[in-house]
Amino acid sequence: MKTIDLAGGQLPAPSLISGQMRINQMSPAEIRAMTDAALAAGITMFDHADIYGGSTHFCEDRWASALELTPGARAELILQTKTGIRKDGGTYFDFSAEHIEESVNGSLTALRTDYLDVLLLHRPDALMEPDEIAGAFDQLSQKGKVRHFGVSNFTPWQIELLQRSVNQPLVANQIQLSITHCPTIGAGLASNMAGLDQSIERGAGLVEYCQLHSITLQAWSPFQAGFFTGSFLGDLQNWGPLNQVLDRLAAHYQVEPIAIATAWILRHPANMQVVLGTTDRSRITAAAAGSQIQLTRSQWYELVRAANYTVP
């Protein structure tokens, strides 16, 4: 398993992360088997969120209850969770110090652990007060409850605004990214082209910004065609040319197409991580094989073209 230097080298981490959003209906035995498959593939980082499941902290509690980790086993894992989205009274965002600290305490209880390796702010809160967040982060850091902090779905300027107040470096930004959903990369490819929608920079140079500031990009929904619109893998009706290339490269490298889709993200010099949302053990194993594949430049760009992006 390829590793990356998360948190400026303070937290060596696998290039793939096992996401736990969909475990709410799995049995303890199924959760253990899924986790064992991830560990066997070298995936030692697990991604949670306080809102995953039928109620607050539901999936966190279900995962920890199923595994019953010993302190020694816990120390071998990297646990990441997210906070900031609330569902009571309708979906909205809450980065108040009170909610952040309450949520972290709930996550620690649910996950049966004394500390979180990484805490992410889940989605930008337009009403966030950076100084208030900084106070909450300081408290959590000083008490040893959270070791590293980051964000999810943030723009560069939102990160700048927050980092101006926060004393800890923001080490990660989790964003939706796949071959078919990569506007942050596509805009750079088509820079300075008039009349092409792809050339419009909607991410404000997010990929380059994170590279400049040593912020690890974590790609969620790495096989989704769009925003929860289904996977492009095997979808010949909508993504026929892309699947033809994926299948051919998979045969060349003697892996499954999902490994090639994974390798495409990991080939980028930003040293991203891929968050696997699947609960299927065979897909976890197959995707993990992509960590060992170094696509050539021509292969990487061929996949971009097959995904309907313009390469001038």
Protein backbone atom coordinates (compact mmCIF):
# COMPACT_ATOMS: atom_id res chain seq x y z
CA MET A 1 0.00 0.00 0.00
CA LYS A 2 1.36 3.39 -1.04
CA THR A 3 1.61 5.81 1.88
CA ILE A 4 1.44 9.60 2.06
CA ASP A 5 2.82 12.09 4.59
CA LEU A 6 -0.33 13.39 6.23
CA ALA A 7 0.13 16.36 8.55
CA GLY A 8 3.53 17.25 7.16
CA GLY A 9 4.96 13.83 7.87
CA GLN A 10 3.67 13.66 11.45
CA LEU A 11 1.07 11.08 10.50
CA PRO A 12 2.14 8.59 7.81
CA ALA A 13 -1.10 7.30 6.30
CA PRO A 14 -2.23 4.86 3.59
CA SER A 15 -3.24 6.30 0.23
CA LEU A 16 -6.65 4.64 0.61
CA ILE A 17 -9.16 5.27 3.40
CA SER A 18 -12.07 3.03 4.35
CA GLY A 19 -15.27 5.10 4.57
CA GLN A 20 -17.96 4.04 7.04
CA MET A 21 -21.00 5.97 5.80
CA ARG A 22 -22.89 2.87 4.61
CA ILE A 23 -22.44 0.44 7.51
CA ASN A 24 -25.66 1.38 9.33
CA GLN A 25 -27.47 -1.80 8.25
CA MET A 26 -24.53 -4.17 8.43
CA SER A 27 -24.24 -6.84 11.12
CA PRO A 28 -21.27 -6.84 13.52
CA ALA A 29 -19.84 -9.84 11.69
CA GLU A 30 -20.11 -8.06 8.34
CA ILE A 31 -18.42 -4.94 9.75
CA ARG A 32 -15.58 -7.03 11.14
CA ALA A 33 -15.15 -8.83 7.82
CA MET A 34 -15.15 -5.54 5.92
CA THR A 35 -12.56 -4.07 8.29
CA ASP A 36 -10.40 -7.19 8.04
CA ALA A 37 -10.47 -6.89 4.24
CA ALA A 38 -9.34 -3.27 4.49
CA LEU A 39 -6.55 -4.11 6.91
CA ALA A 40 -5.39 -7.04 4.76
CA ALA A 41 -5.07 -4.59 1.87
CA GLY A 42 -2.99 -2.20 3.98
CA ILE A 43 -5.80 0.28 4.68
CA THR A 44 -5.39 1.37 8.30
CA MET A 45 -7.29 4.68 8.13
CA PHE A 46 -11.05 4.79 8.73
CA ASP A 47 -13.32 7.73 7.94
CA HIS A 48 -16.44 8.50 9.98
CA ALA A 49 -18.84 11.41 10.57
CA ASP A 50 -21.17 12.20 13.43
CA ILE A 51 -24.19 12.24 11.07
CA TYR A 52 -23.59 8.86 9.42
CA GLY A 53 -26.41 6.44 10.18
CA GLY A 54 -29.97 6.71 11.41
CA SER A 55 -29.11 8.96 14.34
CA THR A 56 -26.19 11.04 15.60
CA HIS A 57 -23.00 8.97 16.05
CA PHE A 58 -24.89 5.83 14.93
CA CYS A 59 -22.28 4.46 12.50
CA GLU A 60 -19.38 5.42 14.75
CA ASP A 61 -20.95 3.44 17.59
CA ARG A 62 -21.86 0.51 15.36
CA TRP A 63 -18.31 0.26 13.99
CA ALA A 64 -16.62 0.42 17.40
CA SER A 65 -19.13 -1.95 18.98
CA ALA A 66 -18.50 -4.52 16.26
CA LEU A 67 -14.70 -4.33 16.49
CA GLU A 68 -14.17 -4.02 20.27
CA LEU A 69 -10.66 -2.66 19.73
CA THR A 70 -8.03 -3.14 22.39
CA PRO A 71 -5.82 -0.11 23.17
CA GLY A 72 -3.01 -1.78 21.25
CA ALA A 73 -5.17 -2.39 18.19
CA ARG A 74 -6.52 1.18 18.36
CA ALA A 75 -2.99 2.58 18.29
CA GLU A 76 -2.36 0.85 14.97
CA LEU A 77 -5.29 2.63 13.30
CA ILE A 78 -5.94 6.19 12.12
CA LEU A 79 -9.45 7.32 13.04
CA GLN A 80 -10.92 10.35 11.32
CA THR A 81 -14.37 11.79 11.85
CA LYS A 82 -16.28 14.88 10.80
CA THR A 83 -18.58 17.40 12.43
CA GLY A 84 -20.56 20.49 11.50
CA ILE A 85 -23.71 19.18 9.76
CA ARG A 86 -26.90 19.13 11.81
CA LYS A 87 -30.20 17.50 10.87
CA ASP A 88 -32.43 18.68 13.73
CA GLY A 89 -35.05 21.07 12.36
CA GLY A 90 -33.78 20.66 8.79
CA THR A 91 -30.24 20.37 7.46
CA TYR A 92 -27.94 23.22 8.39
CA PHE A 93 -24.34 23.78 9.44
CA ASP A 94 -22.99 24.59 12.90
CA PHE A 95 -19.35 25.46 13.60
CA SER A 96 -20.04 26.94 17.03
CA ALA A 97 -17.49 26.00 19.67
CA GLU A 98 -20.26 24.41 21.73
CA HIS A 99 -21.35 22.11 18.91
CA ILE A 100 -17.82 21.17 17.85
CA GLU A 101 -16.81 20.19 21.37
CA GLU A 102 -20.10 18.39 22.06
CA SER A 103 -19.79 16.48 18.80
CA VAL A 104 -16.19 15.43 19.46
CA ASN A 105 -17.09 14.18 22.92
CA GLY A 106 -19.91 12.17 21.38
CA SER A 107 -17.60 10.72 18.75
CA LEU A 108 -15.02 9.73 21.35
CA THR A 109 -17.69 7.94 23.34
CA ALA A 110 -19.16 6.23 20.28
CA LEU A 111 -15.77 5.16 18.91
CA ARG A 112 -14.58 3.95 22.34
CA THR A 113 -11.37 5.94 22.12
CA ASP A 114 -9.61 8.70 24.05
CA TYR A 115 -8.52 10.62 20.96
CA LEU A 116 -9.22 11.28 17.31
CA ASP A 117 -6.31 11.27 14.90
CA VAL A 118 -8.06 13.71 12.56
CA LEU A 119 -11.18 15.89 12.90
CA LEU A 120 -12.66 17.49 9.77
CA LEU A 121 -15.22 20.28 9.55
CA HIS A 122 -17.74 18.57 7.28
CA ARG A 123 -19.10 21.34 5.02
CA PRO A 124 -18.52 25.10 5.04
CA ASP A 125 -20.65 27.02 7.52
CA ALA A 126 -21.39 30.48 6.10
CA LEU A 127 -21.94 31.69 9.68
CA MET A 128 -18.62 30.38 11.00
CA GLU A 129 -16.62 32.58 13.37
CA PRO A 130 -12.97 31.61 12.82
CA ASP A 131 -11.82 32.88 16.22
CA GLU A 132 -14.50 30.81 17.95
CA ILE A 133 -13.46 27.71 16.01
CA ALA A 134 -9.84 28.40 16.94
CA GLY A 135 -10.81 28.38 20.61
CA ALA A 136 -12.56 25.04 20.24
CA PHE A 137 -9.60 23.54 18.38
CA ASP A 138 -7.20 24.78 21.07
CA GLN A 139 -9.30 23.17 23.79
CA LEU A 140 -9.54 19.86 21.96
CA SER A 141 -5.83 19.86 21.16
CA GLN A 142 -4.70 20.81 24.67
CA LYS A 143 -6.89 18.10 26.22
CA GLY A 144 -5.45 15.52 23.82
CA LYS A 145 -8.84 14.75 22.31
CA VAL A 146 -7.88 15.64 18.71
CA ARG A 147 -4.38 15.38 17.26
CA HIS A 148 -4.91 16.92 13.80
CA PHE A 149 -7.54 19.10 12.15
CA GLY A 150 -8.83 19.59 8.63
CA VAL A 151 -11.84 20.47 6.53
CA SER A 152 -14.12 18.99 3.90
CA ASN A 153 -15.52 20.59 0.75
CA PHE A 154 -13.81 23.92 1.50
CA THR A 155 -12.61 26.47 -1.06
CA PRO A 156 -9.11 27.97 -0.83
CA TRP A 157 -10.42 31.26 0.53
CA GLN A 158 -12.53 29.53 3.16
CA ILE A 159 -9.41 27.67 4.25
CA GLU A 160 -7.43 30.92 4.31
CA LEU A 161 -10.08 32.62 6.43
CA LEU A 162 -10.10 29.77 8.94
CA GLN A 163 -6.34 29.22 9.02
CA ARG A 164 -5.75 32.88 9.83
CA SER A 165 -7.30 32.25 13.26
CA VAL A 166 -6.63 28.57 13.88
CA ASN A 167 -3.27 27.75 15.50
CA GLN A 168 -3.08 24.18 14.23
CA PRO A 169 -2.29 23.51 10.55
CA LEU A 170 -5.25 22.28 8.53
CA VAL A 171 -3.90 19.00 7.21
CA ALA A 172 -6.66 17.71 4.90
CA ASN A 173 -9.52 18.80 2.67
CA GLN A 174 -11.97 16.06 1.67
CA ILE A 175 -13.67 16.79 -1.67
CA GLN A 176 -15.67 14.88 -4.25
CA LEU A 177 -13.29 13.78 -6.99
CA SER A 178 -13.25 11.06 -9.62
CA ILE A 179 -12.25 10.70 -13.27
CA THR A 180 -15.70 11.93 -14.31
CA HIS A 181 -16.06 14.54 -11.56
CA CYS A 182 -12.84 16.55 -11.45
CA PRO A 183 -13.68 20.19 -12.26
CA THR A 184 -10.79 21.33 -10.07
CA ILE A 185 -8.38 19.46 -12.39
CA GLY A 186 -10.30 19.95 -15.64
CA ALA A 187 -10.30 23.73 -15.40
CA GLY A 188 -6.53 23.80 -15.21
CA LEU A 189 -6.24 21.55 -18.24
CA ALA A 190 -8.36 23.91 -20.34
CA SER A 191 -6.96 27.17 -19.00
CA ASN A 192 -7.16 30.16 -21.35
CA MET A 193 -9.67 28.56 -23.73
CA ALA A 194 -12.53 30.86 -24.72
CA GLY A 195 -16.07 29.54 -24.97
CA LEU A 196 -15.40 26.29 -23.12
CA ASP A 197 -17.32 25.69 -19.89
CA GLN A 198 -14.56 23.42 -18.60
CA SER A 199 -12.10 26.33 -18.57
CA ILE A 200 -14.16 28.20 -15.96
CA GLU A 201 -12.31 27.87 -12.67
CA ARG A 202 -15.02 27.03 -10.12
CA GLY A 203 -12.64 25.66 -7.52
CA ALA A 204 -10.42 28.76 -7.32
CA GLY A 205 -7.32 26.67 -7.94
CA LEU A 206 -8.09 24.29 -5.08
CA VAL A 207 -5.74 21.50 -6.12
CA GLU A 208 -2.76 23.81 -6.55
CA TYR A 209 -3.61 25.69 -3.36
CA CYS A 210 -3.59 22.49 -1.32
CA GLN A 211 -0.29 21.44 -2.88
CA LEU A 212 1.26 24.79 -1.99
CA HIS A 213 0.07 24.56 1.61
CA SER A 214 0.76 20.84 2.20
CA ILE A 215 -2.95 20.07 2.62
CA THR A 216 -3.84 16.51 1.63
CA LEU A 217 -6.83 16.19 -0.68
CA GLN A 218 -9.05 13.23 0.16
CA ALA A 219 -11.25 12.12 -2.74
CA TRP A 220 -14.73 11.01 -1.72
CA SER A 221 -17.08 9.22 -4.14
CA PRO A 222 -14.06 8.27 -6.30
CA PHE A 223 -16.20 6.12 -8.61
CA GLN A 224 -19.34 8.25 -8.76
CA ALA A 225 -20.23 9.86 -12.07
CA GLY A 226 -21.65 12.92 -10.33
CA PHE A 227 -23.22 13.90 -7.03
CA PHE A 228 -24.63 10.51 -5.93
CA THR A 229 -25.75 9.73 -9.49
CA GLY A 230 -24.34 6.21 -9.57
CA SER A 231 -20.99 4.73 -10.50
CA PHE A 232 -19.43 5.13 -13.92
CA LEU A 233 -17.81 1.71 -13.54
CA GLY A 234 -19.63 -0.70 -15.84
CA ASP A 235 -22.08 1.99 -17.01
CA LEU A 236 -21.75 1.39 -20.73
CA GLN A 237 -24.80 3.45 -21.64
CA ASN A 238 -23.46 6.72 -20.25
CA TRP A 239 -19.73 6.04 -20.02
CA GLY A 240 -19.03 3.48 -22.74
CA PRO A 241 -15.74 4.95 -24.08
CA LEU A 242 -14.39 5.44 -20.56
CA ASN A 243 -15.17 1.85 -19.61
CA GLN A 244 -13.47 0.60 -22.74
CA VAL A 245 -10.26 2.34 -21.70
CA LEU A 246 -10.63 1.20 -18.09
CA ASP A 247 -11.14 -2.40 -19.21
CA ARG A 248 -8.15 -2.31 -21.55
CA LEU A 249 -5.82 -0.84 -18.93
CA ALA A 250 -7.16 -3.26 -16.32
CA ALA A 251 -6.26 -6.17 -18.59
CA HIS A 252 -2.83 -4.66 -19.20
CA TYR A 253 -2.07 -4.35 -15.47
CA GLN A 254 -3.95 -7.55 -14.58
CA VAL A 255 -6.31 -5.82 -12.14
CA GLU A 256 -9.98 -4.86 -12.00
CA PRO A 257 -11.20 -1.59 -13.61
CA ILE A 258 -11.82 -0.14 -10.13
CA ALA A 259 -8.06 -0.32 -9.53
CA ILE A 260 -7.40 1.79 -12.62
CA ALA A 261 -9.96 4.39 -11.47
CA THR A 262 -8.14 4.47 -8.13
CA ALA A 263 -4.72 4.70 -9.75
CA TRP A 264 -5.89 7.66 -11.85
CA ILE A 265 -6.49 9.74 -8.70
CA LEU A 266 -3.30 8.59 -7.00
CA ARG A 267 -1.18 9.40 -10.08
CA HIS A 268 -1.67 13.14 -9.50
CA PRO A 269 1.40 14.76 -7.87
CA ALA A 270 -0.80 16.27 -5.15
CA ASN A 271 -0.45 12.90 -3.35
CA MET A 272 -4.16 12.54 -2.68
CA GLN A 273 -5.97 9.90 -0.68
CA VAL A 274 -8.93 7.91 -1.99
CA VAL A 275 -11.90 7.40 0.35
CA LEU A 276 -13.60 4.10 -0.45
CA GLY A 277 -17.30 4.22 0.31
CA THR A 278 -17.95 0.61 -0.65
CA THR A 279 -18.76 -2.04 1.94
CA ASP A 280 -18.05 -4.87 -0.52
CA ARG A 281 -14.91 -6.72 0.57
CA SER A 282 -13.96 -7.79 -2.95
CA ARG A 283 -14.22 -4.20 -4.21
CA ILE A 284 -12.06 -2.97 -1.34
CA THR A 285 -9.39 -5.51 -2.25
CA ALA A 286 -9.69 -4.74 -5.97
CA ALA A 287 -9.50 -0.96 -5.46
CA ALA A 288 -6.49 -1.28 -3.18
CA ALA A 289 -4.52 -2.85 -6.02
CA GLY A 290 -4.61 0.55 -7.71
CA SER A 291 -2.26 1.87 -5.05
CA GLN A 292 0.57 -0.11 -6.63
CA ILE A 293 -0.04 1.10 -10.21
CA GLN A 294 1.80 4.08 -11.67
CA LEU A 295 -0.12 5.06 -14.79
CA THR A 296 1.92 6.56 -17.59
CA ARG A 297 1.23 10.13 -18.68
CA SER A 298 -0.40 8.95 -21.89
CA GLN A 299 -2.65 6.53 -19.98
CA TRP A 300 -3.67 9.20 -17.47
CA TYR A 301 -4.58 11.68 -20.21
CA GLU A 302 -6.36 9.03 -22.25
CA LEU A 303 -8.67 8.43 -19.30
CA VAL A 304 -9.30 12.18 -19.02
CA ARG A 305 -10.34 12.36 -22.67
CA ALA A 306 -12.52 9.26 -22.35
CA ALA A 307 -14.31 10.96 -19.46
CA ASN A 308 -15.30 13.78 -21.85
CA TYR A 309 -12.82 16.37 -20.64
CA THR A 310 -11.07 18.51 -23.22
CA VAL A 311 -7.31 18.20 -23.49
CA PRO A 312 -6.32 21.01 -25.90
